[in-house]
PDB file of N, CA and C in Angstrom:
ATOM      1  N   MET A   1     108.316  63.418 129.038  1.00  0.00           N
ATOM      2  CA  MET A   1     107.820  63.955 127.783  1.00  0.00           C
ATOM      3  C   MET A   1     106.423  63.404 127.471  1.00  0.00           C
ATOM      4  N   PHE A   2     106.282  62.080 127.622  1.00  0.00           N
ATOM      5  CA  PHE A   2     104.989  61.475 127.318  1.00  0.00           C
ATOM      6  C   PHE A   2     103.926  61.868 128.333  1.00  0.00           C
ATOM      7  N   THR A   3     104.332  62.100 129.557  1.00  0.00           N
ATOM      8  CA  THR A   3     103.352  62.521 130.557  1.00  0.00           C
ATOM      9  C   THR A   3     102.858  63.929 130.258  1.00  0.00           C
ATOM     10  N   TRP A   4     103.750  64.797 129.768  1.00  0.00           N
ATOM     11  CA  TRP A   4     103.343  66.158 129.411  1.00  0.00           C
ATOM     12  C   TRP A   4     102.333  66.117 128.271  1.00  0.00           C
ATOM     13  N   ILE A   5     102.595  65.267 127.279  1.00  0.00           N
ATOM     14  CA  ILE A   5     101.662  65.142 126.148  1.00  0.00           C
ATOM     15  C   ILE A   5     100.323  64.594 126.633  1.00  0.00           C
ATOM     16  N   ALA A   6     100.367  63.600 127.504  1.00  0.00           N
ATOM     17  CA  ALA A   6      99.135  63.004 128.019  1.00  0.00           C
ATOM     18  C   ALA A   6      98.336  64.014 128.841  1.00  0.00           C
ATOM     19  N   GLU A   7      99.023  64.856 129.612  1.00  0.00           N
ATOM     20  CA  GLU A   7      98.332  65.846 130.435  1.00  0.00           C
ATOM     21  C   GLU A   7      97.729  66.968 129.594  1.00  0.00           C
ATOM     22  N   ASN A   8      98.335  67.275 128.463  1.00  0.00           N
ATOM     23  CA  ASN A   8      97.899  68.393 127.624  1.00  0.00           C
ATOM     24  C   ASN A   8      97.212  67.950 126.337  1.00  0.00           C
ATOM     25  N   LEU A   9      96.802  66.704 126.274  1.00  0.00           N
ATOM     26  CA  LEU A   9      96.187  66.172 125.056  1.00  0.00           C
ATOM     27  C   LEU A   9      94.916  66.930 124.652  1.00  0.00           C
ATOM     28  N   PRO A  10      94.015  67.278 125.566  1.00  0.00           N
ATOM     29  CA  PRO A  10      92.833  68.058 125.138  1.00  0.00           C
ATOM     30  C   PRO A  10      93.203  69.423 124.548  1.00  0.00           C
ATOM     31  N   THR A  11      94.166  70.091 125.142  1.00  0.00           N
ATOM     32  CA  THR A  11      94.598  71.392 124.627  1.00  0.00           C
ATOM     33  C   THR A  11      95.238  71.242 123.259  1.00  0.00           C
ATOM     34  N   ILE A  12      96.040  70.233 123.096  1.00  0.00           N
ATOM     35  CA  ILE A  12      96.693  69.983 121.807  1.00  0.00           C
ATOM     36  C   ILE A  12      95.646  69.663 120.740  1.00  0.00           C
ATOM     37  N   GLY A  13      94.648  68.860 121.090  1.00  0.00           N
ATOM     38  CA  GLY A  13      93.601  68.493 120.134  1.00  0.00           C
ATOM     39  C   GLY A  13      92.768  69.686 119.715  1.00  0.00           C
ATOM     40  N   ILE A  14      92.354  70.494 120.679  1.00  0.00           N
ATOM     41  CA  ILE A  14      91.552  71.679 120.360  1.00  0.00           C
ATOM     42  C   ILE A  14      92.362  72.665 119.528  1.00  0.00           C
ATOM     43  N   SER A  15      93.629  72.832 119.859  1.00  0.00           N
ATOM     44  CA  SER A  15      94.494  73.737 119.090  1.00  0.00           C
ATOM     45  C   SER A  15      94.657  73.249 117.655  1.00  0.00           C
ATOM     46  N   ALA A  16      94.769  71.945 117.471  1.00  0.00           N
ATOM     47  CA  ALA A  16      94.895  71.392 116.127  1.00  0.00           C
ATOM     48  C   ALA A  16      93.624  71.633 115.309  1.00  0.00           C
ATOM     49  N   VAL A  17      92.462  71.497 115.949  1.00  0.00           N
ATOM     50  CA  VAL A  17      91.201  71.731 115.245  1.00  0.00           C
ATOM     51  C   VAL A  17      91.063  73.203 114.861  1.00  0.00           C
ATOM     52  N   VAL A  18      91.394  74.107 115.786  1.00  0.00           N
ATOM     53  CA  VAL A  18      91.317  75.539 115.493  1.00  0.00           C
ATOM     54  C   VAL A  18      92.289  75.907 114.376  1.00  0.00           C
ATOM     55  N   LEU A  19      93.493  75.366 114.417  1.00  0.00           N
ATOM     56  CA  LEU A  19      94.481  75.629 113.372  1.00  0.00           C
ATOM     57  C   LEU A  19      93.993  75.125 112.013  1.00  0.00           C
ATOM     58  N   ALA A  20      93.356  73.961 111.985  1.00  0.00           N
ATOM     59  CA  ALA A  20      92.830  73.418 110.737  1.00  0.00           C
ATOM     60  C   ALA A  20      91.726  74.302 110.170  1.00  0.00           C
ATOM     61  N   VAL A  21      90.850  74.819 111.024  1.00  0.00           N
ATOM     62  CA  VAL A  21      89.766  75.688 110.570  1.00  0.00           C
ATOM     63  C   VAL A  21      90.325  76.988 109.999  1.00  0.00           C
ATOM     64  N   VAL A  22      91.327  77.554 110.667  1.00  0.00           N
ATOM     65  CA  VAL A  22      91.947  78.788 110.177  1.00  0.00           C
ATOM     66  C   VAL A  22      92.634  78.546 108.838  1.00  0.00           C
ATOM     67  N   CYS A  23      93.340  77.434 108.714  1.00  0.00           N
ATOM     68  CA  CYS A  23      94.008  77.113 107.443  1.00  0.00           C
ATOM     69  C   CYS A  23      93.001  76.936 106.309  1.00  0.00           C
ATOM     70  N   LEU A  24      91.888  76.277 106.587  1.00  0.00           N
ATOM     71  CA  LEU A  24      90.859  76.103 105.558  1.00  0.00           C
ATOM     72  C   LEU A  24      90.243  77.439 105.154  1.00  0.00           C
ATOM     73  N   ALA A  25      90.055  78.329 106.108  1.00  0.00           N
ATOM     74  CA  ALA A  25      89.500  79.651 105.787  1.00  0.00           C
ATOM     75  C   ALA A  25      90.465  80.442 104.908  1.00  0.00           C
ATOM     76  N   VAL A  26      91.742  80.401 105.238  1.00  0.00           N
ATOM     77  CA  VAL A  26      92.740  81.123 104.440  1.00  0.00           C
ATOM     78  C   VAL A  26      92.834  80.521 103.044  1.00  0.00           C
ATOM     79  N   LEU A  27      92.843  79.207 102.950  1.00  0.00           N
ATOM     80  CA  LEU A  27      92.898  78.567 101.644  1.00  0.00           C
ATOM     81  C   LEU A  27      91.666  78.910 100.800  1.00  0.00           C
ATOM     82  N   SER A  28      90.512  78.992 101.428  1.00  0.00           N
ATOM     83  CA  SER A  28      89.302  79.370 100.712  1.00  0.00           C
ATOM     84  C   SER A  28      89.403  80.795 100.185  1.00  0.00           C
ATOM     85  N   LEU A  29      89.922  81.711 100.995  1.00  0.00           N
ATOM     86  CA  LEU A  29      90.091  83.097 100.554  1.00  0.00           C
ATOM     87  C   LEU A  29      91.075  83.197  99.394  1.00  0.00           C
ATOM     88  N   VAL A  30      92.170  82.459  99.475  1.00  0.00           N
ATOM     89  CA  VAL A  30      93.166  82.472  98.393  1.00  0.00           C
ATOM     90  C   VAL A  30      92.564  81.885  97.124  1.00  0.00           C
ATOM     91  N   HIS A  31      91.822  80.802  97.260  1.00  0.00           N
ATOM     92  CA  HIS A  31      91.190  80.168  96.100  1.00  0.00           C
ATOM     93  C   HIS A  31      90.198  81.116  95.433  1.00  0.00           C
ATOM     94  N   ASP A  32      89.384  81.780  96.241  1.00  0.00           N
ATOM     95  CA  ASP A  32      88.418  82.737  95.686  1.00  0.00           C
ATOM     96  C   ASP A  32      89.129  83.910  95.022  1.00  0.00           C
ATOM     97  N   LYS A  33      90.208  84.371  95.603  1.00  0.00           N
ATOM     98  CA  LYS A  33      90.960  85.496  95.034  1.00  0.00           C
ATOM     99  C   LYS A  33      91.540  85.116  93.672  1.00  0.00           C
ATOM    100  N   LYS A  34      92.045  83.885  93.548  1.00  0.00           N
ATOM    101  CA  LYS A  34      92.597  83.433  92.273  1.00  0.00           C
ATOM    102  C   LYS A  34      91.514  83.309  91.202  1.00  0.00           C
ATOM    103  N   LYS A  35      90.286  82.994  91.612  1.00  0.00           N
ATOM    104  CA  LYS A  35      89.182  82.883  90.665  1.00  0.00           C
ATOM    105  C   LYS A  35      88.578  84.240  90.323  1.00  0.00           C
ATOM    106  N   GLY A  36      89.039  85.289  90.992  1.00  0.00           N
ATOM    107  CA  GLY A  36      88.540  86.621  90.703  1.00  0.00           C
ATOM    108  C   GLY A  36      87.344  87.020  91.535  1.00  0.00           C
ATOM    109  N   LYS A  37      86.966  86.176  92.479  1.00  0.00           N
ATOM    110  CA  LYS A  37      85.847  86.513  93.350  1.00  0.00           C
ATOM    111  C   LYS A  37      86.311  87.536  94.379  1.00  0.00           C
ATOM    112  N   SER A  38      85.368  88.251  94.927  1.00  0.00           N
ATOM    113  CA  SER A  38      85.680  89.268  95.908  1.00  0.00           C
ATOM    114  C   SER A  38      84.814  89.057  97.135  1.00  0.00           C
ATOM    115  N   SER A  39      85.305  89.518  98.271  1.00  0.00           N
ATOM    116  CA  SER A  39      84.504  89.431  99.483  1.00  0.00           C
ATOM    117  C   SER A  39      83.477  90.550  99.535  1.00  0.00           C
ATOM    118  N   CYS A  40      83.564  91.468  98.596  1.00  0.00           N
ATOM    119  CA  CYS A  40      82.630  92.585  98.527  1.00  0.00           C
ATOM    120  C   CYS A  40      81.279  92.070  98.044  1.00  0.00           C
ATOM    121  N   GLY A  41      80.213  92.535  98.693  1.00  0.00           N
ATOM    122  CA  GLY A  41      78.873  92.120  98.299  1.00  0.00           C
ATOM    123  C   GLY A  41      78.364  92.850  97.072  1.00  0.00           C
ATOM    124  N   GLY A  42      79.022  93.950  96.698  1.00  0.00           N
ATOM    125  CA  GLY A  42      78.631  94.695  95.522  1.00  0.00           C
ATOM    126  C   GLY A  42      77.525  95.704  95.768  1.00  0.00           C
ATOM    127  N   ASN A  43      77.035  95.818  96.989  1.00  0.00           N
ATOM    128  CA  ASN A  43      75.979  96.765  97.310  1.00  0.00           C
ATOM    129  C   ASN A  43      76.623  98.041  97.841  1.00  0.00           C
ATOM    130  N   CYS A  44      77.059  98.896  96.953  1.00  0.00           N
ATOM    131  CA  CYS A  44      77.799 100.099  97.343  1.00  0.00           C
ATOM    132  C   CYS A  44      76.927 101.128  98.042  1.00  0.00           C
ATOM    133  N   GLY A  45      75.603 101.011  97.952  1.00  0.00           N
ATOM    134  CA  GLY A  45      74.717 101.958  98.611  1.00  0.00           C
ATOM    135  C   GLY A  45      74.797 101.875 100.130  1.00  0.00           C
ATOM    136  N   CYS A  46      75.136 100.714 100.639  1.00  0.00           N
ATOM    137  CA  CYS A  46      75.225 100.519 102.091  1.00  0.00           C
ATOM    138  C   CYS A  46      76.652 100.607 102.592  1.00  0.00           C
ATOM    139  N   CYS A  47      77.583 100.821 101.707  1.00  0.00           N
ATOM    140  CA  CYS A  47      78.996 100.796 102.067  1.00  0.00           C
ATOM    141  C   CYS A  47      79.501 102.199 102.373  1.00  0.00           C
ATOM    142  N   PRO A  48      80.272 102.363 103.445  1.00  0.00           N
ATOM    143  CA  PRO A  48      80.806 103.685 103.746  1.00  0.00           C
ATOM    144  C   PRO A  48      81.833 104.160 102.712  1.00  0.00           C
ATOM    145  N   MET A  49      82.408 103.235 101.961  1.00  0.00           N
ATOM    146  CA  MET A  49      83.389 103.612 100.943  1.00  0.00           C
ATOM    147  C   MET A  49      82.710 103.987  99.628  1.00  0.00           C
ATOM    148  N   GLY A  50      81.375 103.910  99.605  1.00  0.00           N
ATOM    149  CA  GLY A  50      80.568 104.420  98.501  1.00  0.00           C
ATOM    150  C   GLY A  50      80.880 103.888  97.127  1.00  0.00           C
ATOM    151  N   GLY A  51      81.647 104.343  96.351  1.00  0.00           N
ATOM    152  CA  GLY A  51      81.942 103.839  95.020  1.00  0.00           C
ATOM    153  C   GLY A  51      83.422 103.943  94.753  1.00  0.00           C
ATOM    154  N   SER A  52      84.189 104.061  95.808  1.00  0.00           N
ATOM    155  CA  SER A  52      85.619 104.267  95.625  1.00  0.00           C
ATOM    156  C   SER A  52      86.377 102.996  95.274  1.00  0.00           C
ATOM    157  N   CYS A  53      85.773 101.829  95.509  1.00  0.00           N
ATOM    158  CA  CYS A  53      86.521 100.595  95.219  1.00  0.00           C
ATOM    159  C   CYS A  53      86.191 100.023  93.852  1.00  0.00           C
ATOM    160  N   HIS A  54      85.049 100.371  93.296  1.00  0.00           N
ATOM    161  CA  HIS A  54      84.662  99.857  91.976  1.00  0.00           C
ATOM    162  C   HIS A  54      84.674 101.007  90.972  1.00  0.00           C
ATOM    163  N   GLY A  55      85.217 100.705  89.804  1.00  0.00           N
ATOM    164  CA  GLY A  55      85.200 101.715  88.754  1.00  0.00           C
ATOM    165  C   GLY A  55      83.813 101.892  88.188  1.00  0.00           C
ATOM    166  N   LYS A  56      83.535 103.033  87.612  1.00  0.00           N
ATOM    167  CA  LYS A  56      82.238 103.270  86.999  1.00  0.00           C
ATOM    168  C   LYS A  56      82.153 102.518  85.685  1.00  0.00           C
ATOM    169  N   LYS A  57      81.004 101.907  85.447  1.00  0.00           N
ATOM    170  CA  LYS A  57      80.827 101.117  84.230  1.00  0.00           C
ATOM    171  C   LYS A  57      80.136 101.926  83.182  1.00  0.00           C
TER     172      LYS A  57
END
């Protein structure tokens, strides 16, 4: 068991770092969503969805 861990330690370490980065990205998205922020840039002129996602003000 310990030899398997020792042989695969670089893979385990890299996987842990990638998993941590993904978790931080998801947590950031959830945090922004709770604050009411959006990933939309608000420039509907360049968007193929035109004005379908934002109501008219």
